[in-house]
Amino acid sequence: MDPLQNLTNPYYLHLRENPGMVLVTPTLDGSNYHEWSHGMKRELLSKNKIKFINGEIQEPAKIDPLHDAWERCNMMIIFWITHILNAHIAHNTIYIDSVEDLWNNLRERFSKGDHFWIYDRLQEVNSIKQGERNVSKYFTDLKVLWERT
């Protein structure tokens, strides 16, 4: 059997995986980076592609038999990511040809210095009250807020 057809191989792409697939919603608009990136990581992990964004799988030499497979996966993941960026952000990433570079670029632009976002989340956590909610609903709502922070 061709190793590239093995479901556990990170270079494997299923026939139904295509550039237009929407992996997460909503699109990244800059203000929702933390939730968006968490969802994307989950999706890429489920597709065995997380190693492309975290640098564990580097581009093989052009003479390496795996280079074409790497290039195909790299481009597919770039399509998946850019497909769910708002138009302005997507336009500013058009010349990035490595999914690892794209991922790092988005992280640099939207995850650092977001003190207002963190402050807002902490305010939500500190202001939540049980009120009319039963204990289970209150705990779930509190836990979701806390995990977002």
Protein backbone atom coordinates (compact mmCIF):
# COMPACT_ATOMS: atom_id res chain seq x y z
CA MET A 1 0.00 0.00 0.00
CA ASP A 2 1.17 3.50 -0.84
CA PRO A 3 2.20 5.16 2.47
CA LEU A 4 0.53 8.41 1.32
CA GLN A 5 -2.79 6.56 1.29
CA ASN A 6 -2.41 5.56 4.95
CA LEU A 7 -4.96 7.50 7.05
CA THR A 8 -2.39 8.07 9.80
CA ASN A 9 0.13 9.68 7.44
CA PRO A 10 0.08 13.49 7.83
CA TYR A 11 0.43 13.81 4.04
CA TYR A 12 -2.80 11.91 3.45
CA LEU A 13 -5.65 13.97 1.99
CA HIS A 14 -9.10 12.44 1.77
CA LEU A 15 -10.90 12.72 -1.57
CA ARG A 16 -13.57 14.94 0.02
CA GLU A 17 -11.04 17.41 1.41
CA ASN A 18 -10.95 20.37 -0.91
CA PRO A 19 -9.75 23.99 -0.88
CA GLY A 20 -13.26 25.36 -0.30
CA MET A 21 -13.90 23.46 2.92
CA VAL A 22 -14.97 25.61 5.86
CA LEU A 23 -13.32 24.14 8.94
CA VAL A 24 -14.51 26.62 11.58
CA THR A 25 -16.94 29.47 11.92
CA PRO A 26 -17.03 32.41 12.22
CA THR A 27 -14.32 33.83 10.01
CA LEU A 28 -11.31 35.47 11.61
CA ASP A 29 -11.95 39.19 11.80
CA GLY A 30 -9.09 40.06 14.16
CA SER A 31 -11.19 40.43 17.31
CA ASN A 32 -11.93 36.70 17.63
CA TYR A 33 -8.43 35.29 17.16
CA HIS A 34 -8.33 33.23 20.36
CA GLU A 35 -11.56 31.34 19.66
CA TRP A 36 -10.77 31.03 15.95
CA SER A 37 -7.26 29.64 16.49
CA HIS A 38 -8.51 27.18 19.11
CA GLY A 39 -11.13 25.88 16.67
CA MET A 40 -8.61 25.69 13.83
CA LYS A 41 -6.13 23.74 15.96
CA ARG A 42 -8.85 21.23 16.82
CA GLU A 43 -9.81 20.80 13.17
CA LEU A 44 -6.22 20.47 11.98
CA LEU A 45 -5.48 17.96 14.73
CA SER A 46 -8.51 15.90 13.71
CA LYS A 47 -7.23 15.91 10.11
CA ASN A 48 -3.69 15.00 11.25
CA LYS A 49 -2.36 18.30 9.88
CA ILE A 50 -1.39 20.16 13.08
CA LYS A 51 2.30 19.36 12.49
CA PHE A 52 2.27 21.61 9.44
CA ILE A 53 1.45 24.73 11.47
CA ASN A 54 3.61 24.01 14.52
CA GLY A 55 6.79 23.38 12.53
CA GLU A 56 7.14 19.65 13.17
CA ILE A 57 6.83 18.96 9.45
CA GLN A 58 9.26 21.11 7.48
CA GLU A 59 9.41 21.44 3.71
CA PRO A 60 11.49 18.55 2.32
CA ALA A 61 14.18 19.22 -0.27
CA LYS A 62 12.82 19.50 -3.81
CA ILE A 63 14.51 16.21 -4.74
CA ASP A 64 12.87 14.41 -1.80
CA PRO A 65 10.05 12.07 -2.94
CA LEU A 66 7.81 13.60 -0.23
CA HIS A 67 8.19 17.16 -1.52
CA ASP A 68 5.15 17.00 -3.81
CA ALA A 69 2.99 15.57 -1.02
CA TRP A 70 4.21 18.26 1.38
CA GLU A 71 3.51 20.99 -1.16
CA ARG A 72 -0.01 19.65 -1.80
CA CYS A 73 -0.83 19.52 1.94
CA ASN A 74 0.77 22.89 2.62
CA MET A 75 -1.33 24.55 -0.09
CA MET A 76 -4.52 22.76 1.00
CA ILE A 77 -4.10 23.99 4.59
CA ILE A 78 -3.34 27.51 3.35
CA PHE A 79 -6.60 27.40 1.37
CA TRP A 80 -8.50 26.14 4.43
CA ILE A 81 -7.13 28.93 6.59
CA THR A 82 -7.42 31.81 4.10
CA HIS A 83 -10.95 30.70 3.18
CA ILE A 84 -12.06 31.63 6.71
CA LEU A 85 -10.30 34.98 7.03
CA ASN A 86 -12.17 38.19 6.41
CA ALA A 87 -11.33 39.80 3.08
CA HIS A 88 -8.94 42.43 4.47
CA ILE A 89 -6.90 39.90 6.45
CA ALA A 90 -6.88 37.40 3.58
CA HIS A 91 -5.65 40.07 1.17
CA ASN A 92 -2.71 40.80 3.47
CA THR A 93 -1.62 37.16 3.52
CA ILE A 94 -1.80 36.41 -0.20
CA TYR A 95 1.97 36.20 -0.69
CA ILE A 96 2.65 33.84 2.22
CA ASP A 97 3.47 30.42 0.75
CA SER A 98 4.12 28.38 3.89
CA VAL A 99 1.29 27.39 6.20
CA GLU A 100 3.67 27.60 9.18
CA ASP A 101 4.57 31.18 8.19
CA LEU A 102 0.89 32.02 7.68
CA TRP A 103 -0.04 30.62 11.09
CA ASN A 104 2.81 32.50 12.80
CA ASN A 105 1.90 35.71 10.96
CA LEU A 106 -1.71 35.53 12.16
CA ARG A 107 -0.63 34.70 15.71
CA GLU A 108 1.82 37.63 15.77
CA ARG A 109 -0.78 40.05 14.45
CA PHE A 110 -3.75 39.07 16.57
CA SER A 111 -2.73 37.30 19.79
CA LYS A 112 -0.23 39.68 21.36
CA GLY A 113 -1.07 42.84 23.17
CA ASP A 114 -4.76 42.08 23.26
CA HIS A 115 -5.08 43.46 26.76
CA PHE A 116 -8.54 44.84 26.09
CA TRP A 117 -9.80 41.39 25.06
CA ILE A 118 -8.33 39.80 28.19
CA TYR A 119 -9.72 42.57 30.39
CA ASP A 120 -13.20 42.13 28.88
CA ARG A 121 -13.09 38.36 29.48
CA LEU A 122 -11.97 38.82 33.08
CA GLN A 123 -14.76 41.36 33.61
CA GLU A 124 -17.29 38.83 32.30
CA VAL A 125 -15.94 36.14 34.64
CA ASN A 126 -16.00 38.48 37.64
CA SER A 127 -19.51 39.76 36.94
CA ILE A 128 -21.32 36.48 36.29
CA LYS A 129 -24.01 35.65 38.82
CA GLN A 130 -26.16 32.57 39.18
CA GLY A 131 -29.43 34.53 39.15
CA GLU A 132 -32.24 32.44 37.62
CA ARG A 133 -29.88 29.73 36.31
CA ASN A 134 -29.72 26.32 37.92
CA VAL A 135 -26.32 25.31 39.33
CA SER A 136 -25.43 23.20 36.29
CA LYS A 137 -26.17 26.01 33.80
CA TYR A 138 -24.36 28.57 35.98
CA PHE A 139 -21.28 26.35 36.32
CA THR A 140 -21.24 25.62 32.57
CA ASP A 141 -21.51 29.32 31.67
CA LEU A 142 -18.77 30.21 34.16
CA LYS A 143 -16.51 27.43 32.88
CA VAL A 144 -16.95 28.53 29.25
CA LEU A 145 -16.05 32.12 30.15
CA TRP A 146 -13.04 31.01 32.16
CA GLU A 147 -11.72 28.74 29.38
CA ARG A 148 -12.03 31.59 26.84
CA THR A 149 -9.81 33.76 29.03
